[in-house]
Every structure is written in C-alpha cells, then in structure tokens.
C-alpha cells in the first residue's frame, strides 16, 4: 500500500471513530427528536415526493432511526425496498427487495437485518431514491461509510447503466456527521444530497 493510500485509510479510520463515538453519546430523547426532524425533511424532498420506489436501510450501530421514514413512505403509497448482501460476485453486491413489514426481515451474513428470501427483488435501475447510511458526509457529496465499499459500488453501477443514470442518492444522518471535508479516494463515489435533523445539503453546495 502506497503512502497516499495509507494516509487515506488512517484518515477515514480516525473520522469513523470520532463520529461513532458521538453517535453513541446521544441520549434516547435526542435520537428520537433528531430522527423525527430528519424524517420530515426527507419526506419533503421533491425527489421523494415524486418517487415510486425508495430504497431505505435498517438502522444499526446507533445510526439515525429510519423506521419513521420507512413508515412515512409507505403511508404515501411509495414502495419501500431494503438491501440484502448478495453471495454473487457480480456487482452490485447490494441487492434490493420489497419489504412490507418487519416480520419479513431476517438476520444476514453480517448479523444485520435484511429482507428474507421470499421478498421480491427490485432492480437498482428501477429505484428512484436511495437512502444511504454513513458515518460522515460533506457538502460536496463526500461520504465515509463502514469500509465495505458496497454503496460506492452500487452508485457506480447505477450511474454507468446502459439506459442512462438514474436514482437519487441521499445520505441520511445526524447533523454533526456533516464534516468540513471527508477524506475520499478514486473509488469513492459522491452522493447527491445529505439530509440531517436540521438541514438539506445539495451536492456541491456550501454549508450554511
């Protein structure tokens, strides 16, 4: 590994530790309040109000709670799909399946809840909006995830589809997770927007 790659790895690790620690320190009351505020902003996005299918994720590791957002989408008649890690080697490794409720979720290979085997798969190119988890985001669309590269691979796949790019990728998290700048490398793919409990940041915008 070259010095630049080592620097990037270490910078990402340091930022992950800081953000994970800050999430863990939040009180239950603050988590509930932030989740509600972020959900309200997410559901007001024009891209979401016009969507037919939205890919969400099941919160874990003190992530901002997505349950309210998922329920709000369903109440509007929007189909909700959730990710499952595929055993296939062909990209993308994240596959999305329509889920009607928590009873259809099972624990996957990483111990995370994901759609069960009976949930119908939806092609990434048929999804209008993707909610993207992460530990840190910035206003230029930079993102630091958990290190697996699943969402970067997914975004690259969707944007290079022969039918043309589709899908609007939204980072969803607490406002303190918005960093001045996220360390990124050549394989990191920028998201389109960041929604937090206090604001909406469009990719390339200058933070207020």
Protein backbone atom coordinates (compact mmCIF):
# COMPACT_ATOMS: atom_id res chain seq x y z
CA UNK A 1 0.00 0.00 0.00
CA UNK A 2 1.45 3.36 -1.05
CA UNK A 3 1.80 6.29 1.41
CA UNK A 4 -1.21 8.10 -0.06
CA UNK A 5 -3.41 5.04 0.43
CA UNK A 6 -2.14 4.59 3.98
CA UNK A 7 -2.91 8.23 4.75
CA UNK A 8 -6.42 7.89 3.32
CA UNK A 9 -7.08 4.71 5.30
CA UNK A 10 -5.88 6.28 8.55
CA UNK A 11 -7.87 9.50 7.98
CA UNK A 12 -11.05 7.53 7.37
CA UNK A 13 -10.48 5.36 10.43
CA UNK A 14 -9.97 8.41 12.62
CA UNK A 15 -13.13 10.10 11.32
CA UNK A 16 -15.13 6.91 11.79
CA UNK A 17 -14.03 6.66 15.43
CA UNK A 18 -14.98 10.26 16.17
CA UNK A 19 -18.42 10.04 14.56
CA UNK A 20 -19.24 6.63 16.03
CA UNK A 21 -18.35 7.92 19.50
CA UNK A 22 -20.55 11.00 19.10
CA UNK A 23 -23.48 8.86 17.98
CA UNK A 24 -23.08 6.55 20.95
CA UNK A 25 -23.20 9.53 23.33
CA UNK A 26 -26.64 10.71 22.19
CA UNK A 27 -29.49 10.31 24.65
CA UNK A 28 -32.61 8.38 23.72
CA UNK A 29 -34.56 11.63 23.70
CA UNK A 30 -32.13 13.28 21.29
CA UNK A 31 -32.19 10.27 18.98
CA UNK A 32 -35.98 10.33 18.78
CA UNK A 33 -36.07 14.10 18.21
CA UNK A 34 -33.38 14.01 15.52
CA UNK A 35 -34.98 11.09 13.70
CA UNK A 36 -38.32 12.86 13.52
CA UNK A 37 -36.78 16.12 12.28
CA UNK A 38 -34.66 14.38 9.65
CA UNK A 39 -37.64 12.31 8.51
CA UNK A 40 -39.75 15.44 8.00
CA UNK A 41 -37.04 16.99 5.81
CA UNK A 42 -36.54 13.77 3.85
CA UNK A 43 -40.23 13.33 3.09
CA UNK A 44 -40.40 16.93 1.85
CA UNK A 45 -37.67 16.41 -0.77
CA UNK A 46 -39.11 16.86 -4.29
CA UNK A 47 -37.30 13.71 -5.39
CA UNK A 48 -39.00 11.74 -2.63
CA UNK A 49 -42.48 13.17 -3.16
CA UNK A 50 -42.24 12.21 -6.84
CA UNK A 51 -40.78 8.75 -6.18
CA UNK A 52 -42.49 5.45 -6.81
CA UNK A 53 -39.79 3.29 -5.21
CA UNK A 54 -37.40 4.30 -2.42
CA UNK A 55 -34.54 2.20 -1.08
CA UNK A 56 -34.16 2.64 2.67
CA UNK A 57 -31.93 0.84 5.19
CA UNK A 58 -32.49 -0.69 8.59
CA UNK A 59 -30.70 1.35 11.25
CA UNK A 60 -27.97 -0.27 13.30
CA UNK A 61 -24.95 0.72 15.40
CA UNK A 62 -26.61 3.89 16.76
CA UNK A 63 -27.45 5.15 13.26
CA UNK A 64 -30.25 7.68 12.99
CA UNK A 65 -33.52 5.74 13.11
CA UNK A 66 -35.06 5.11 9.69
CA UNK A 67 -38.25 3.44 10.97
CA UNK A 68 -40.23 6.69 10.90
CA UNK A 69 -39.11 7.44 7.36
CA UNK A 70 -40.00 3.96 6.16
CA UNK A 71 -43.46 4.19 7.69
CA UNK A 72 -43.98 7.67 6.24
CA UNK A 73 -43.05 6.46 2.77
CA UNK A 74 -45.47 3.55 2.99
CA UNK A 75 -48.30 5.81 4.14
CA UNK A 76 -47.80 7.80 0.93
CA UNK A 77 -48.09 4.68 -1.18
CA UNK A 78 -44.38 4.62 -2.04
CA UNK A 79 -42.86 1.15 -2.36
CA UNK A 80 -40.00 0.59 0.11
CA UNK A 81 -37.13 -1.73 -0.72
CA UNK A 82 -34.30 -2.74 1.61
CA UNK A 83 -30.78 -4.02 0.88
CA UNK A 84 -29.52 -7.56 1.12
CA UNK A 85 -25.86 -8.52 0.67
CA UNK A 86 -25.71 -10.94 -2.25
CA UNK A 87 -23.49 -14.02 -2.29
CA UNK A 88 -22.93 -13.48 -6.00
CA UNK A 89 -19.62 -11.97 -7.06
CA UNK A 90 -21.09 -9.89 -9.88
CA UNK A 91 -21.72 -6.26 -8.92
CA UNK A 92 -23.57 -4.79 -7.28
CA UNK A 93 -23.21 -6.88 -4.14
CA UNK A 94 -26.15 -4.98 -2.61
CA UNK A 95 -29.46 -6.24 -3.96
CA UNK A 96 -32.78 -4.62 -3.06
CA UNK A 97 -36.02 -6.38 -2.14
CA UNK A 98 -39.51 -5.09 -1.49
CA UNK A 99 -40.49 -5.45 2.15
CA UNK A 100 -43.97 -4.87 3.58
CA UNK A 101 -43.09 -5.04 7.28
CA UNK A 102 -40.56 -6.03 9.97
CA UNK A 103 -41.80 -9.62 10.02
CA UNK A 104 -40.20 -10.15 6.60
CA UNK A 105 -36.70 -9.32 7.87
CA UNK A 106 -34.09 -11.91 8.82
CA UNK A 107 -30.51 -11.67 10.06
CA UNK A 108 -27.99 -11.74 7.23
CA UNK A 109 -24.37 -12.84 6.95
CA UNK A 110 -23.09 -9.81 8.88
CA UNK A 111 -25.67 -10.09 11.63
CA UNK A 112 -27.75 -7.24 10.20
CA UNK A 113 -31.46 -7.34 9.45
CA UNK A 114 -32.23 -7.72 5.76
CA UNK A 115 -35.10 -8.92 3.54
CA UNK A 116 -35.95 -12.59 3.79
CA UNK A 117 -35.70 -15.00 0.86
CA UNK A 118 -39.35 -14.58 -0.10
CA UNK A 119 -39.16 -10.81 -0.68
CA UNK A 120 -39.28 -9.88 -4.39
CA UNK A 121 -36.13 -8.29 -5.83
CA UNK A 122 -36.26 -4.86 -7.48
CA UNK A 123 -33.54 -3.88 -9.95
CA UNK A 124 -31.41 -0.89 -8.85
CA UNK A 125 -32.27 0.95 -12.06
CA UNK A 126 -35.97 0.82 -11.09
CA UNK A 127 -35.37 2.61 -7.78
CA UNK A 128 -35.96 6.37 -7.72
CA UNK A 129 -34.31 7.37 -4.43
CA UNK A 130 -31.67 5.61 -2.31
CA UNK A 131 -31.25 6.45 1.36
CA UNK A 132 -27.55 5.93 2.10
CA UNK A 133 -26.06 5.22 5.54
CA UNK A 134 -22.68 6.51 6.59
CA UNK A 135 -20.51 7.76 9.42
CA UNK A 136 -19.62 11.11 7.85
CA UNK A 137 -20.75 13.27 4.94
CA UNK A 138 -19.77 16.60 3.45
CA UNK A 139 -21.48 19.24 1.31
CA UNK A 140 -19.59 18.18 -1.83
CA UNK A 141 -21.13 14.72 -1.68
CA UNK A 142 -18.20 13.08 0.06
CA UNK A 143 -19.05 10.18 2.33
CA UNK A 144 -17.23 7.88 4.73
CA UNK A 145 -19.05 4.59 5.27
CA UNK A 146 -18.06 1.46 7.13
CA UNK A 147 -15.31 0.39 4.75
CA UNK A 148 -17.01 -2.34 2.72
CA UNK A 149 -17.49 -0.27 -0.41
CA UNK A 150 -20.99 -1.61 -1.01
CA UNK A 151 -22.69 1.71 -1.66
CA UNK A 152 -19.82 3.12 -3.74
CA UNK A 153 -20.04 0.02 -5.91
CA UNK A 154 -23.82 0.40 -6.14
CA UNK A 155 -23.65 4.08 -7.13
CA UNK A 156 -21.01 3.39 -9.77
CA UNK A 157 -23.15 0.57 -11.15
CA UNK A 158 -26.35 2.64 -11.30
CA UNK A 159 -24.65 5.66 -12.86
CA UNK A 160 -22.99 3.59 -15.56
CA UNK A 161 -26.15 1.70 -16.56
CA UNK A 162 -26.55 1.48 -20.37
CA UNK A 163 -30.02 3.04 -20.14
CA UNK A 164 -28.50 6.14 -18.56
CA UNK A 165 -28.00 7.22 -14.95
CA UNK A 166 -30.93 7.02 -12.57
CA UNK A 167 -31.54 7.12 -8.86
CA UNK A 168 -31.05 9.96 -6.40
CA UNK A 169 -28.65 9.09 -3.56
CA UNK A 170 -29.34 10.74 -0.20
CA UNK A 171 -27.06 10.50 2.82
CA UNK A 172 -29.21 10.27 5.95
CA UNK A 173 -27.74 11.06 9.36
CA UNK A 174 -27.30 13.41 12.30
CA UNK A 175 -26.21 16.96 11.59
CA UNK A 176 -22.92 16.56 13.48
CA UNK A 177 -22.00 13.87 10.96
CA UNK A 178 -21.54 16.58 8.33
CA UNK A 179 -17.79 17.16 8.27
CA UNK A 180 -15.99 20.10 6.71
CA UNK A 181 -14.41 17.63 4.32
CA UNK A 182 -14.46 13.84 4.05
CA UNK A 183 -11.25 12.07 3.00
CA UNK A 184 -12.01 10.36 -0.31
CA UNK A 185 -10.13 8.28 -2.85
CA UNK A 186 -10.58 7.41 -6.50
CA UNK A 187 -13.07 4.62 -5.72
CA UNK A 188 -15.32 6.80 -3.56
CA UNK A 189 -18.48 7.90 -5.39
CA UNK A 190 -20.20 11.15 -4.30
CA UNK A 191 -23.81 11.18 -3.18
CA UNK A 192 -26.34 13.72 -4.47
CA UNK A 193 -27.69 15.12 -1.22
CA UNK A 194 -27.39 14.94 2.57
CA UNK A 195 -30.41 15.13 4.88
CA UNK A 196 -29.89 15.66 8.60
CA UNK A 197 -32.04 16.69 11.52
CA UNK A 198 -31.50 20.39 10.76
CA UNK A 199 -30.90 20.84 7.01
CA UNK A 200 -30.74 19.58 3.47
CA UNK A 201 -27.41 19.86 1.67
CA UNK A 202 -27.39 19.53 -2.09
CA UNK A 203 -24.22 18.09 -3.59
CA UNK A 204 -21.71 20.84 -4.28
CA UNK A 205 -23.47 23.34 -2.01
CA UNK A 206 -21.60 25.45 0.53
CA UNK A 207 -22.73 24.65 4.09
CA UNK A 208 -24.71 27.41 5.76
